[in-house]
């Protein structure tokens, strides 16, 4: 079964990003719990630490925010990486000879390990790496595992 993973211009496997599926699902579920328990009827009387209506609007935003991926118009509206790839005619940064030194990818290198992925692609080839990402997607991989380990160091 070919999952046809989506790889963004920056080289991030979109299917492993929380904004693709997991965060919208969790926000909708949390909002459902809050509504089912009727917290809106009393939380505002219990605490002034936050505005309950702002919380609910935030959950609505996250629940409706599933990212389609930058190739389909999702992602950051003014992304300099997307602009650069389009200008150079590249499907993603892995095909750019400036990749290892490119400072536009500092966030992705830190957060999504695209530098490590680039090294793996050089060893195994892009299509083999892409198939590996498809397998991870089938296993419901989410980049949060890496982010939590990094945060807890």
C-alpha atoms as a PDB file:
ATOM      1  CA  UNK A   1       0.000   0.000   0.000  1.00  0.00           C
ATOM      2  CA  UNK A   2       1.553   3.277  -1.100  1.00  0.00           C
ATOM      3  CA  UNK A   3       0.756   6.061   1.359  1.00  0.00           C
ATOM      4  CA  UNK A   4       2.315   8.748  -0.885  1.00  0.00           C
ATOM      5  CA  UNK A   5       3.769  10.788   1.947  1.00  0.00           C
ATOM      6  CA  UNK A   6       3.929  14.527   1.518  1.00  0.00           C
ATOM      7  CA  UNK A   7       7.397  16.067   1.738  1.00  0.00           C
ATOM      8  CA  UNK A   8       7.381  19.845   2.137  1.00  0.00           C
ATOM      9  CA  UNK A   9       9.691  22.211   0.288  1.00  0.00           C
ATOM     10  CA  UNK A  10      11.885  22.295   3.418  1.00  0.00           C
ATOM     11  CA  UNK A  11      12.223  18.513   3.460  1.00  0.00           C
ATOM     12  CA  UNK A  12       9.914  17.885   6.395  1.00  0.00           C
ATOM     13  CA  UNK A  13       7.687  14.841   6.029  1.00  0.00           C
ATOM     14  CA  UNK A  14       4.359  16.603   6.555  1.00  0.00           C
ATOM     15  CA  UNK A  15       2.726  13.390   7.733  1.00  0.00           C
ATOM     16  CA  UNK A  16       5.021  13.389  10.787  1.00  0.00           C
ATOM     17  CA  UNK A  17       4.109  16.941  11.848  1.00  0.00           C
ATOM     18  CA  UNK A  18       1.506  17.352  14.580  1.00  0.00           C
ATOM     19  CA  UNK A  19      -0.367  20.074  12.674  1.00  0.00           C
ATOM     20  CA  UNK A  20      -1.180  17.647   9.887  1.00  0.00           C
ATOM     21  CA  UNK A  21      -3.492  15.460  11.955  1.00  0.00           C
ATOM     22  CA  UNK A  22      -2.690  14.885  15.631  1.00  0.00           C
ATOM     23  CA  UNK A  23      -3.047  18.440  16.996  1.00  0.00           C
ATOM     24  CA  UNK A  24      -6.395  19.107  15.241  1.00  0.00           C
ATOM     25  CA  UNK A  25      -7.683  15.743  16.539  1.00  0.00           C
ATOM     26  CA  UNK A  26      -6.524  16.443  20.102  1.00  0.00           C
ATOM     27  CA  UNK A  27      -7.955  19.978  20.095  1.00  0.00           C
ATOM     28  CA  UNK A  28     -11.339  18.722  18.913  1.00  0.00           C
ATOM     29  CA  UNK A  29     -11.305  15.950  21.524  1.00  0.00           C
ATOM     30  CA  UNK A  30     -10.337  18.332  24.348  1.00  0.00           C
ATOM     31  CA  UNK A  31     -13.058  20.779  23.302  1.00  0.00           C
ATOM     32  CA  UNK A  32     -15.546  17.900  23.322  1.00  0.00           C
ATOM     33  CA  UNK A  33     -14.508  16.881  26.838  1.00  0.00           C
ATOM     34  CA  UNK A  34     -14.745  20.452  28.107  1.00  0.00           C
ATOM     35  CA  UNK A  35     -18.224  20.841  26.618  1.00  0.00           C
ATOM     36  CA  UNK A  36     -19.423  17.419  27.827  1.00  0.00           C
ATOM     37  CA  UNK A  37     -18.370  18.204  31.396  1.00  0.00           C
ATOM     38  CA  UNK A  38     -19.975  21.644  31.187  1.00  0.00           C
ATOM     39  CA  UNK A  39     -16.824  23.447  32.300  1.00  0.00           C
ATOM     40  CA  UNK A  40     -17.919  26.602  30.502  1.00  0.00           C
ATOM     41  CA  UNK A  41     -20.692  27.038  33.063  1.00  0.00           C
ATOM     42  CA  UNK A  42     -18.333  27.413  36.023  1.00  0.00           C
ATOM     43  CA  UNK A  43     -14.646  27.794  35.053  1.00  0.00           C
ATOM     44  CA  UNK A  44     -14.964  31.572  34.665  1.00  0.00           C
ATOM     45  CA  UNK A  45     -16.213  31.764  38.262  1.00  0.00           C
ATOM     46  CA  UNK A  46     -13.435  29.530  39.544  1.00  0.00           C
ATOM     47  CA  UNK A  47     -10.349  31.162  38.015  1.00  0.00           C
ATOM     48  CA  UNK A  48      -9.280  34.413  36.432  1.00  0.00           C
ATOM     49  CA  UNK A  49      -5.941  32.924  35.290  1.00  0.00           C
ATOM     50  CA  UNK A  50      -7.203  32.733  31.687  1.00  0.00           C
ATOM     51  CA  UNK A  51     -10.207  33.685  29.616  1.00  0.00           C
ATOM     52  CA  UNK A  52     -12.335  30.579  29.057  1.00  0.00           C
ATOM     53  CA  UNK A  53     -13.827  31.912  25.808  1.00  0.00           C
ATOM     54  CA  UNK A  54     -10.311  32.557  24.447  1.00  0.00           C
ATOM     55  CA  UNK A  55      -9.401  28.970  25.289  1.00  0.00           C
ATOM     56  CA  UNK A  56     -12.414  27.664  23.372  1.00  0.00           C
ATOM     57  CA  UNK A  57     -11.680  29.922  20.375  1.00  0.00           C
ATOM     58  CA  UNK A  58      -8.082  28.659  20.440  1.00  0.00           C
ATOM     59  CA  UNK A  59      -9.245  25.041  20.495  1.00  0.00           C
ATOM     60  CA  UNK A  60     -11.598  25.779  17.579  1.00  0.00           C
ATOM     61  CA  UNK A  61      -8.691  27.273  15.653  1.00  0.00           C
ATOM     62  CA  UNK A  62      -6.449  24.259  16.276  1.00  0.00           C
ATOM     63  CA  UNK A  63      -9.260  21.785  15.539  1.00  0.00           C
ATOM     64  CA  UNK A  64      -9.860  23.423  12.146  1.00  0.00           C
ATOM     65  CA  UNK A  65      -6.200  23.986  11.287  1.00  0.00           C
ATOM     66  CA  UNK A  66      -5.143  20.736   9.642  1.00  0.00           C
ATOM     67  CA  UNK A  67      -2.249  21.692   7.381  1.00  0.00           C
ATOM     68  CA  UNK A  68      -2.510  20.523   3.785  1.00  0.00           C
ATOM     69  CA  UNK A  69       1.233  20.887   3.246  1.00  0.00           C
ATOM     70  CA  UNK A  70       3.024  23.699   1.458  1.00  0.00           C
ATOM     71  CA  UNK A  71       2.781  22.066  -1.981  1.00  0.00           C
ATOM     72  CA  UNK A  72      -1.003  22.340  -1.607  1.00  0.00           C
ATOM     73  CA  UNK A  73      -1.010  25.900  -0.263  1.00  0.00           C
ATOM     74  CA  UNK A  74      -0.655  25.091   3.456  1.00  0.00           C
ATOM     75  CA  UNK A  75       2.200  26.014   5.742  1.00  0.00           C
ATOM     76  CA  UNK A  76       3.521  29.479   6.459  1.00  0.00           C
ATOM     77  CA  UNK A  77       2.118  32.016   3.965  1.00  0.00           C
ATOM     78  CA  UNK A  78       5.418  33.876   3.465  1.00  0.00           C
ATOM     79  CA  UNK A  79       7.799  30.925   3.751  1.00  0.00           C
ATOM     80  CA  UNK A  80      11.222  31.860   2.396  1.00  0.00           C
ATOM     81  CA  UNK A  81      12.058  28.177   1.853  1.00  0.00           C
ATOM     82  CA  UNK A  82       9.035  27.671  -0.411  1.00  0.00           C
ATOM     83  CA  UNK A  83       9.871  30.863  -2.315  1.00  0.00           C
ATOM     84  CA  UNK A  84      13.473  29.716  -2.764  1.00  0.00           C
ATOM     85  CA  UNK A  85      12.517  26.220  -3.989  1.00  0.00           C
ATOM     86  CA  UNK A  86       9.961  27.602  -6.426  1.00  0.00           C
ATOM     87  CA  UNK A  87      12.508  30.105  -7.734  1.00  0.00           C
ATOM     88  CA  UNK A  88      15.064  27.312  -8.237  1.00  0.00           C
ATOM     89  CA  UNK A  89      12.499  24.845  -9.617  1.00  0.00           C
ATOM     90  CA  UNK A  90      13.127  22.278  -6.843  1.00  0.00           C
ATOM     91  CA  UNK A  91      10.511  20.005  -5.273  1.00  0.00           C
ATOM     92  CA  UNK A  92      12.346  20.343  -1.945  1.00  0.00           C
ATOM     93  CA  UNK A  93      15.615  21.441  -0.403  1.00  0.00           C
ATOM     94  CA  UNK A  94      17.165  17.977  -0.531  1.00  0.00           C
ATOM     95  CA  UNK A  95      17.790  18.590  -4.241  1.00  0.00           C
ATOM     96  CA  UNK A  96      19.640  21.863  -3.627  1.00  0.00           C
ATOM     97  CA  UNK A  97      23.434  21.897  -3.618  1.00  0.00           C
ATOM     98  CA  UNK A  98      23.349  24.667  -0.997  1.00  0.00           C
ATOM     99  CA  UNK A  99      21.380  22.477   1.449  1.00  0.00           C
ATOM    100  CA  UNK A 100      24.012  21.723   4.092  1.00  0.00           C
ATOM    101  CA  UNK A 101      24.850  25.405   4.672  1.00  0.00           C
ATOM    102  CA  UNK A 102      21.438  26.968   4.097  1.00  0.00           C
ATOM    103  CA  UNK A 103      20.394  29.085   7.085  1.00  0.00           C
ATOM    104  CA  UNK A 104      16.780  29.213   5.897  1.00  0.00           C
ATOM    105  CA  UNK A 105      16.457  25.664   7.260  1.00  0.00           C
ATOM    106  CA  UNK A 106      17.790  26.242  10.776  1.00  0.00           C
ATOM    107  CA  UNK A 107      14.366  25.660  12.355  1.00  0.00           C
ATOM    108  CA  UNK A 108      13.722  22.495  10.339  1.00  0.00           C
ATOM    109  CA  UNK A 109      17.215  21.171  11.047  1.00  0.00           C
ATOM    110  CA  UNK A 110      16.640  21.655  14.766  1.00  0.00           C
ATOM    111  CA  UNK A 111      13.008  20.575  14.993  1.00  0.00           C
ATOM    112  CA  UNK A 112      12.540  17.997  12.245  1.00  0.00           C
ATOM    113  CA  UNK A 113      16.093  16.716  11.787  1.00  0.00           C
ATOM    114  CA  UNK A 114      16.203  17.492   8.062  1.00  0.00           C
ATOM    115  CA  UNK A 115      20.000  17.583   8.253  1.00  0.00           C
ATOM    116  CA  UNK A 116      20.011  13.969   9.451  1.00  0.00           C
ATOM    117  CA  UNK A 117      17.503  13.088   6.748  1.00  0.00           C
ATOM    118  CA  UNK A 118      19.748  14.689   4.113  1.00  0.00           C
ATOM    119  CA  UNK A 119      22.667  12.508   5.251  1.00  0.00           C
ATOM    120  CA  UNK A 120      20.437   9.430   5.105  1.00  0.00           C
ATOM    121  CA  UNK A 121      19.239  10.374   1.603  1.00  0.00           C
ATOM    122  CA  UNK A 122      22.864  10.661   0.435  1.00  0.00           C
ATOM    123  CA  UNK A 123      23.484   7.106   1.709  1.00  0.00           C
ATOM    124  CA  UNK A 124      20.278   5.371   0.613  1.00  0.00           C
ATOM    125  CA  UNK A 125      18.787   7.564  -2.128  1.00  0.00           C
ATOM    126  CA  UNK A 126      15.765   9.844  -2.066  1.00  0.00           C
ATOM    127  CA  UNK A 127      13.144   7.295  -3.145  1.00  0.00           C
ATOM    128  CA  UNK A 128      14.307   4.725  -0.572  1.00  0.00           C
ATOM    129  CA  UNK A 129      14.210   7.395   2.128  1.00  0.00           C
ATOM    130  CA  UNK A 130      10.733   8.440   1.000  1.00  0.00           C
ATOM    131  CA  UNK A 131       9.534   4.831   1.247  1.00  0.00           C
ATOM    132  CA  UNK A 132      11.015   4.722   4.744  1.00  0.00           C
ATOM    133  CA  UNK A 133       8.911   7.786   5.645  1.00  0.00           C
ATOM    134  CA  UNK A 134       5.826   6.008   4.248  1.00  0.00           C
ATOM    135  CA  UNK A 135       6.526   3.085   6.595  1.00  0.00           C
ATOM    136  CA  UNK A 136       6.873   5.455   9.546  1.00  0.00           C
ATOM    137  CA  UNK A 137       3.551   7.057   8.579  1.00  0.00           C
ATOM    138  CA  UNK A 138       1.857   3.630   8.502  1.00  0.00           C
ATOM    139  CA  UNK A 139       3.204   3.093  12.025  1.00  0.00           C
ATOM    140  CA  UNK A 140       1.601   6.432  13.054  1.00  0.00           C
ATOM    141  CA  UNK A 141       4.967   8.091  13.688  1.00  0.00           C
ATOM    142  CA  UNK A 142       4.815  11.656  14.947  1.00  0.00           C
ATOM    143  CA  UNK A 143       7.799  13.968  15.351  1.00  0.00           C
ATOM    144  CA  UNK A 144       6.639  14.723  18.913  1.00  0.00           C
ATOM    145  CA  UNK A 145       8.671  11.760  20.139  1.00  0.00           C
ATOM    146  CA  UNK A 146      11.873  13.477  19.011  1.00  0.00           C
ATOM    147  CA  UNK A 147      10.778  16.877  20.310  1.00  0.00           C
ATOM    148  CA  UNK A 148       9.949  15.495  23.765  1.00  0.00           C
ATOM    149  CA  UNK A 149      13.322  13.738  24.035  1.00  0.00           C
ATOM    150  CA  UNK A 150      15.111  16.932  22.997  1.00  0.00           C
ATOM    151  CA  UNK A 151      13.093  19.034  25.452  1.00  0.00           C
ATOM    152  CA  UNK A 152      13.769  16.638  28.344  1.00  0.00           C
ATOM    153  CA  UNK A 153      17.575  16.714  27.893  1.00  0.00           C
END
